[in-house]
Amino acid sequence: MYDISTVSPKKPYTLKIDPELLEALRTIKTRDGISESEQIRRGIQLWLEQKGEAKKTARKRVVARKRA
């Protein structure tokens, strides 16, 4: 049976991104092990905080895993 308590409250969202930005995200993913999606979430959160539209939260930081 599907356990509702494990469902993420996050909602899927589709967007278009410039090739240069995507390449930079992929470089960071390779270097630091942080997914493109997580980088975008962090960037949006920071931007909203700077605009005063989001409260700073005690976010769980994803531990970056370095790849050999």
PDB file of N, CA and C in Angstrom:
ATOM      1  N   MET A   1       0.838  -1.194   0.000  1.00  0.00           N
ATOM      2  CA  MET A   1       0.000   0.000   0.000  1.00  0.00           C
ATOM      3  C   MET A   1       0.871   1.240   0.000  1.00  0.00           C
ATOM      4  N   TYR A   2       0.421   2.286  -0.572  1.00  0.00           N
ATOM      5  CA  TYR A   2       1.148   3.551  -0.686  1.00  0.00           C
ATOM      6  C   TYR A   2       1.026   4.329   0.609  1.00  0.00           C
ATOM      7  N   ASP A   3       2.168   4.700   1.213  1.00  0.00           N
ATOM      8  CA  ASP A   3       2.181   5.427   2.483  1.00  0.00           C
ATOM      9  C   ASP A   3       2.145   6.931   2.205  1.00  0.00           C
ATOM     10  N   ILE A   4       1.042   7.569   2.536  1.00  0.00           N
ATOM     11  CA  ILE A   4       0.859   8.999   2.267  1.00  0.00           C
ATOM     12  C   ILE A   4       1.864   9.862   3.017  1.00  0.00           C
ATOM     13  N   SER A   5       2.393   9.385   4.132  1.00  0.00           N
ATOM     14  CA  SER A   5       3.325  10.187   4.925  1.00  0.00           C
ATOM     15  C   SER A   5       4.675  10.363   4.222  1.00  0.00           C
ATOM     16  N   THR A   6       4.944   9.572   3.205  1.00  0.00           N
ATOM     17  CA  THR A   6       6.216   9.692   2.501  1.00  0.00           C
ATOM     18  C   THR A   6       6.127  10.548   1.243  1.00  0.00           C
ATOM     19  N   VAL A   7       4.944  11.065   0.955  1.00  0.00           N
ATOM     20  CA  VAL A   7       4.757  11.878  -0.241  1.00  0.00           C
ATOM     21  C   VAL A   7       5.373  13.255  -0.029  1.00  0.00           C
ATOM     22  N   SER A   8       6.148  13.693  -0.994  1.00  0.00           N
ATOM     23  CA  SER A   8       6.770  15.010  -0.915  1.00  0.00           C
ATOM     24  C   SER A   8       5.730  16.099  -1.148  1.00  0.00           C
ATOM     25  N   PRO A   9       5.792  17.193  -0.383  1.00  0.00           N
ATOM     26  CA  PRO A   9       4.847  18.282  -0.617  1.00  0.00           C
ATOM     27  C   PRO A   9       5.214  19.117  -1.846  1.00  0.00           C
ATOM     28  N   LYS A  10       6.320  18.814  -2.473  1.00  0.00           N
ATOM     29  CA  LYS A  10       6.762  19.573  -3.639  1.00  0.00           C
ATOM     30  C   LYS A  10       5.900  19.247  -4.846  1.00  0.00           C
ATOM     31  N   LYS A  11       5.709  20.226  -5.702  1.00  0.00           N
ATOM     32  CA  LYS A  11       4.906  20.071  -6.905  1.00  0.00           C
ATOM     33  C   LYS A  11       5.811  20.146  -8.131  1.00  0.00           C
ATOM     34  N   PRO A  12       5.564  19.312  -9.122  1.00  0.00           N
ATOM     35  CA  PRO A  12       6.365  19.387 -10.347  1.00  0.00           C
ATOM     36  C   PRO A  12       6.051  20.681 -11.106  1.00  0.00           C
ATOM     37  N   TYR A  13       7.069  21.202 -11.781  1.00  0.00           N
ATOM     38  CA  TYR A  13       6.920  22.434 -12.537  1.00  0.00           C
ATOM     39  C   TYR A  13       7.856  22.359 -13.729  1.00  0.00           C
ATOM     40  N   THR A  14       7.395  22.799 -14.875  1.00  0.00           N
ATOM     41  CA  THR A  14       8.199  22.753 -16.090  1.00  0.00           C
ATOM     42  C   THR A  14       8.574  24.166 -16.498  1.00  0.00           C
ATOM     43  N   LEU A  15       9.821  24.342 -16.915  1.00  0.00           N
ATOM     44  CA  LEU A  15      10.264  25.643 -17.383  1.00  0.00           C
ATOM     45  C   LEU A  15      11.305  25.466 -18.479  1.00  0.00           C
ATOM     46  N   LYS A  16      11.526  26.532 -19.214  1.00  0.00           N
ATOM     47  CA  LYS A  16      12.562  26.537 -20.243  1.00  0.00           C
ATOM     48  C   LYS A  16      13.741  27.326 -19.705  1.00  0.00           C
ATOM     49  N   ILE A  17      14.941  26.888 -20.065  1.00  0.00           N
ATOM     50  CA  ILE A  17      16.154  27.511 -19.536  1.00  0.00           C
ATOM     51  C   ILE A  17      17.160  27.690 -20.664  1.00  0.00           C
ATOM     52  N   ASP A  18      17.893  28.782 -20.619  1.00  0.00           N
ATOM     53  CA  ASP A  18      18.909  29.040 -21.636  1.00  0.00           C
ATOM     54  C   ASP A  18      19.996  27.970 -21.591  1.00  0.00           C
ATOM     55  N   PRO A  19      20.524  27.606 -22.754  1.00  0.00           N
ATOM     56  CA  PRO A  19      21.570  26.572 -22.800  1.00  0.00           C
ATOM     57  C   PRO A  19      22.785  26.899 -21.934  1.00  0.00           C
ATOM     58  N   GLU A  20      23.154  28.165 -21.841  1.00  0.00           N
ATOM     59  CA  GLU A  20      24.315  28.556 -21.039  1.00  0.00           C
ATOM     60  C   GLU A  20      24.073  28.290 -19.552  1.00  0.00           C
ATOM     61  N   LEU A  21      22.854  28.571 -19.099  1.00  0.00           N
ATOM     62  CA  LEU A  21      22.517  28.311 -17.699  1.00  0.00           C
ATOM     63  C   LEU A  21      22.488  26.816 -17.421  1.00  0.00           C
ATOM     64  N   LEU A  22      21.932  26.061 -18.348  1.00  0.00           N
ATOM     65  CA  LEU A  22      21.883  24.612 -18.178  1.00  0.00           C
ATOM     66  C   LEU A  22      23.279  24.020 -18.111  1.00  0.00           C
ATOM     67  N   GLU A  23      24.174  24.494 -18.941  1.00  0.00           N
ATOM     68  CA  GLU A  23      25.556  24.010 -18.925  1.00  0.00           C
ATOM     69  C   GLU A  23      26.225  24.329 -17.588  1.00  0.00           C
ATOM     70  N   ALA A  24      25.976  25.530 -17.058  1.00  0.00           N
ATOM     71  CA  ALA A  24      26.544  25.895 -15.758  1.00  0.00           C
ATOM     72  C   ALA A  24      25.989  25.004 -14.647  1.00  0.00           C
ATOM     73  N   LEU A  25      24.687  24.713 -14.697  1.00  0.00           N
ATOM     74  CA  LEU A  25      24.085  23.818 -13.708  1.00  0.00           C
ATOM     75  C   LEU A  25      24.694  22.421 -13.787  1.00  0.00           C
ATOM     76  N   ARG A  26      24.917  21.950 -15.001  1.00  0.00           N
ATOM     77  CA  ARG A  26      25.505  20.618 -15.182  1.00  0.00           C
ATOM     78  C   ARG A  26      26.952  20.572 -14.695  1.00  0.00           C
ATOM     79  N   THR A  27      27.678  21.666 -14.893  1.00  0.00           N
ATOM     80  CA  THR A  27      29.058  21.735 -14.404  1.00  0.00           C
ATOM     81  C   THR A  27      29.086  21.613 -12.884  1.00  0.00           C
ATOM     82  N   ILE A  28      28.193  22.336 -12.225  1.00  0.00           N
ATOM     83  CA  ILE A  28      28.131  22.279 -10.764  1.00  0.00           C
ATOM     84  C   ILE A  28      27.690  20.890 -10.304  1.00  0.00           C
ATOM     85  N   LYS A  29      26.756  20.281 -11.035  1.00  0.00           N
ATOM     86  CA  LYS A  29      26.325  18.923 -10.694  1.00  0.00           C
ATOM     87  C   LYS A  29      27.504  17.956 -10.739  1.00  0.00           C
ATOM     88  N   THR A  30      28.298  18.049 -11.790  1.00  0.00           N
ATOM     89  CA  THR A  30      29.457  17.177 -11.928  1.00  0.00           C
ATOM     90  C   THR A  30      30.490  17.453 -10.846  1.00  0.00           C
ATOM     91  N   ARG A  31      30.740  18.731 -10.596  1.00  0.00           N
ATOM     92  CA  ARG A  31      31.760  19.121  -9.629  1.00  0.00           C
ATOM     93  C   ARG A  31      31.348  18.863  -8.190  1.00  0.00           C
ATOM     94  N   ASP A  32      30.108  19.241  -7.843  1.00  0.00           N
ATOM     95  CA  ASP A  32      29.676  19.218  -6.444  1.00  0.00           C
ATOM     96  C   ASP A  32      28.653  18.141  -6.120  1.00  0.00           C
ATOM     97  N   GLY A  33      28.071  17.521  -7.141  1.00  0.00           N
ATOM     98  CA  GLY A  33      27.087  16.478  -6.907  1.00  0.00           C
ATOM     99  C   GLY A  33      25.707  16.982  -6.525  1.00  0.00           C
ATOM    100  N   ILE A  34      25.404  18.246  -6.807  1.00  0.00           N
ATOM    101  CA  ILE A  34      24.098  18.827  -6.486  1.00  0.00           C
ATOM    102  C   ILE A  34      23.262  18.844  -7.769  1.00  0.00           C
ATOM    103  N   SER A  35      22.114  18.202  -7.719  1.00  0.00           N
ATOM    104  CA  SER A  35      21.283  18.087  -8.917  1.00  0.00           C
ATOM    105  C   SER A  35      20.871  19.458  -9.447  1.00  0.00           C
ATOM    106  N   GLU A  36      20.556  19.484 -10.733  1.00  0.00           N
ATOM    107  CA  GLU A  36      20.086  20.721 -11.351  1.00  0.00           C
ATOM    108  C   GLU A  36      18.830  21.220 -10.648  1.00  0.00           C
ATOM    109  N   SER A  37      17.925  20.300 -10.328  1.00  0.00           N
ATOM    110  CA  SER A  37      16.673  20.687  -9.668  1.00  0.00           C
ATOM    111  C   SER A  37      16.922  21.349  -8.320  1.00  0.00           C
ATOM    112  N   GLU A  38      17.827  20.774  -7.540  1.00  0.00           N
ATOM    113  CA  GLU A  38      18.140  21.346  -6.226  1.00  0.00           C
ATOM    114  C   GLU A  38      18.788  22.718  -6.375  1.00  0.00           C
ATOM    115  N   GLN A  39      19.660  22.878  -7.346  1.00  0.00           N
ATOM    116  CA  GLN A  39      20.284  24.182  -7.574  1.00  0.00           C
ATOM    117  C   GLN A  39      19.231  25.226  -7.924  1.00  0.00           C
ATOM    118  N   ILE A  40      18.274  24.862  -8.770  1.00  0.00           N
ATOM    119  CA  ILE A  40      17.213  25.791  -9.166  1.00  0.00           C
ATOM    120  C   ILE A  40      16.349  26.138  -7.967  1.00  0.00           C
ATOM    121  N   ARG A  41      15.985  25.130  -7.138  1.00  0.00           N
ATOM    122  CA  ARG A  41      15.193  25.412  -5.929  1.00  0.00           C
ATOM    123  C   ARG A  41      15.924  26.385  -5.011  1.00  0.00           C
ATOM    124  N   ARG A  42      17.217  26.152  -4.800  1.00  0.00           N
ATOM    125  CA  ARG A  42      18.005  27.040  -3.932  1.00  0.00           C
ATOM    126  C   ARG A  42      18.062  28.452  -4.494  1.00  0.00           C
ATOM    127  N   GLY A  43      18.225  28.560  -5.803  1.00  0.00           N
ATOM    128  CA  GLY A  43      18.282  29.881  -6.437  1.00  0.00           C
ATOM    129  C   GLY A  43      16.966  30.631  -6.312  1.00  0.00           C
ATOM    130  N   ILE A  44      15.860  29.943  -6.524  1.00  0.00           N
ATOM    131  CA  ILE A  44      14.544  30.576  -6.393  1.00  0.00           C
ATOM    132  C   ILE A  44      14.312  31.010  -4.952  1.00  0.00           C
ATOM    133  N   GLN A  45      14.660  30.148  -3.999  1.00  0.00           N
ATOM    134  CA  GLN A  45      14.485  30.485  -2.584  1.00  0.00           C
ATOM    135  C   GLN A  45      15.283  31.738  -2.216  1.00  0.00           C
ATOM    136  N   LEU A  46      16.536  31.797  -2.642  1.00  0.00           N
ATOM    137  CA  LEU A  46      17.383  32.954  -2.364  1.00  0.00           C
ATOM    138  C   LEU A  46      16.803  34.217  -2.976  1.00  0.00           C
ATOM    139  N   TRP A  47      16.349  34.131  -4.215  1.00  0.00           N
ATOM    140  CA  TRP A  47      15.780  35.292  -4.904  1.00  0.00           C
ATOM    141  C   TRP A  47      14.524  35.785  -4.190  1.00  0.00           C
ATOM    142  N   LEU A  48      13.660  34.855  -3.780  1.00  0.00           N
ATOM    143  CA  LEU A  48      12.449  35.246  -3.057  1.00  0.00           C
ATOM    144  C   LEU A  48      12.776  35.871  -1.707  1.00  0.00           C
ATOM    145  N   GLU A  49      13.784  35.351  -1.027  1.00  0.00           N
ATOM    146  CA  GLU A  49      14.209  35.946   0.245  1.00  0.00           C
ATOM    147  C   GLU A  49      14.708  37.367   0.031  1.00  0.00           C
ATOM    148  N   GLN A  50      15.470  37.591  -1.031  1.00  0.00           N
ATOM    149  CA  GLN A  50      15.983  38.923  -1.322  1.00  0.00           C
ATOM    150  C   GLN A  50      14.862  39.894  -1.659  1.00  0.00           C
ATOM    151  N   LYS A  51      13.788  39.396  -2.255  1.00  0.00           N
ATOM    152  CA  LYS A  51      12.645  40.231  -2.618  1.00  0.00           C
ATOM    153  C   LYS A  51      11.662  40.391  -1.464  1.00  0.00           C
ATOM    154  N   GLY A  52      11.939  39.727  -0.341  1.00  0.00           N
ATOM    155  CA  GLY A  52      11.062  39.833   0.816  1.00  0.00           C
ATOM    156  C   GLY A  52       9.784  39.026   0.681  1.00  0.00           C
ATOM    157  N   GLU A  53       9.752  38.079  -0.237  1.00  0.00           N
ATOM    158  CA  GLU A  53       8.549  37.292  -0.478  1.00  0.00           C
ATOM    159  C   GLU A  53       8.608  35.901   0.128  1.00  0.00           C
ATOM    160  N   ALA A  54       9.704  35.544   0.728  1.00  0.00           N
ATOM    161  CA  ALA A  54       9.806  34.220   1.346  1.00  0.00           C
ATOM    162  C   ALA A  54      10.565  34.350   2.649  1.00  0.00           C
ATOM    163  N   LYS A  55      10.100  33.638   3.623  1.00  0.00           N
ATOM    164  CA  LYS A  55      10.793  33.645   4.903  1.00  0.00           C
ATOM    165  C   LYS A  55      12.007  32.742   4.804  1.00  0.00           C
ATOM    166  N   LYS A  56      13.061  33.142   5.467  1.00  0.00           N
ATOM    167  CA  LYS A  56      14.226  32.271   5.545  1.00  0.00           C
ATOM    168  C   LYS A  56      13.838  31.081   6.401  1.00  0.00           C
ATOM    169  N   THR A  57      14.120  29.921   5.900  1.00  0.00           N
ATOM    170  CA  THR A  57      13.756  28.714   6.621  1.00  0.00           C
ATOM    171  C   THR A  57      14.996  27.927   6.979  1.00  0.00           C
ATOM    172  N   ALA A  58      14.848  27.118   7.981  1.00  0.00           N
ATOM    173  CA  ALA A  58      15.942  26.217   8.352  1.00  0.00           C
ATOM    174  C   ALA A  58      15.848  25.020   7.411  1.00  0.00           C
ATOM    175  N   ARG A  59      16.376  25.195   6.210  1.00  0.00           N
ATOM    176  CA  ARG A  59      16.306  24.140   5.208  1.00  0.00           C
ATOM    177  C   ARG A  59      17.308  23.049   5.516  1.00  0.00           C
ATOM    178  N   LYS A  60      16.926  21.841   5.175  1.00  0.00           N
ATOM    179  CA  LYS A  60      17.864  20.746   5.258  1.00  0.00           C
ATOM    180  C   LYS A  60      18.838  20.902   4.098  1.00  0.00           C
ATOM    181  N   ARG A  61      20.087  20.965   4.399  1.00  0.00           N
ATOM    182  CA  ARG A  61      21.097  21.062   3.355  1.00  0.00           C
ATOM    183  C   ARG A  61      21.433  19.681   2.858  1.00  0.00           C
ATOM    184  N   VAL A  62      21.442  19.540   1.564  1.00  0.00           N
ATOM    185  CA  VAL A  62      21.834  18.272   0.961  1.00  0.00           C
ATOM    186  C   VAL A  62      23.343  18.225   0.955  1.00  0.00           C
ATOM    187  N   VAL A  63      23.872  17.138   1.457  1.00  0.00           N
ATOM    188  CA  VAL A  63      25.333  16.992   1.491  1.00  0.00           C
ATOM    189  C   VAL A  63      25.805  16.712   0.075  1.00  0.00           C
ATOM    190  N   ALA A  64      26.680  17.557  -0.408  1.00  0.00           N
ATOM    191  CA  ALA A  64      27.200  17.377  -1.762  1.00  0.00           C
ATOM    192  C   ALA A  64      28.095  16.148  -1.795  1.00  0.00           C
ATOM    193  N   ARG A  65      27.898  15.349  -2.798  1.00  0.00           N
ATOM    194  CA  ARG A  65      28.774  14.199  -2.932  1.00  0.00           C
ATOM    195  C   ARG A  65      29.679  14.428  -4.117  1.00  0.00           C
ATOM    196  N   LYS A  66      30.923  14.384  -3.860  1.00  0.00           N
ATOM    197  CA  LYS A  66      31.905  14.615  -4.914  1.00  0.00           C
ATOM    198  C   LYS A  66      32.119  13.330  -5.683  1.00  0.00           C
ATOM    199  N   ARG A  67      32.179  13.476  -6.962  1.00  0.00           N
ATOM    200  CA  ARG A  67      32.418  12.328  -7.814  1.00  0.00           C
ATOM    201  C   ARG A  67      33.862  12.285  -8.229  1.00  0.00           C
ATOM    202  N   ALA A  68      34.367  11.114  -8.347  1.00  0.00           N
ATOM    203  CA  ALA A  68      35.780  10.942  -8.707  1.00  0.00           C
ATOM    204  C   ALA A  68      36.020  11.230 -10.168  1.00  0.00           C
TER     205      ALA A  68
END
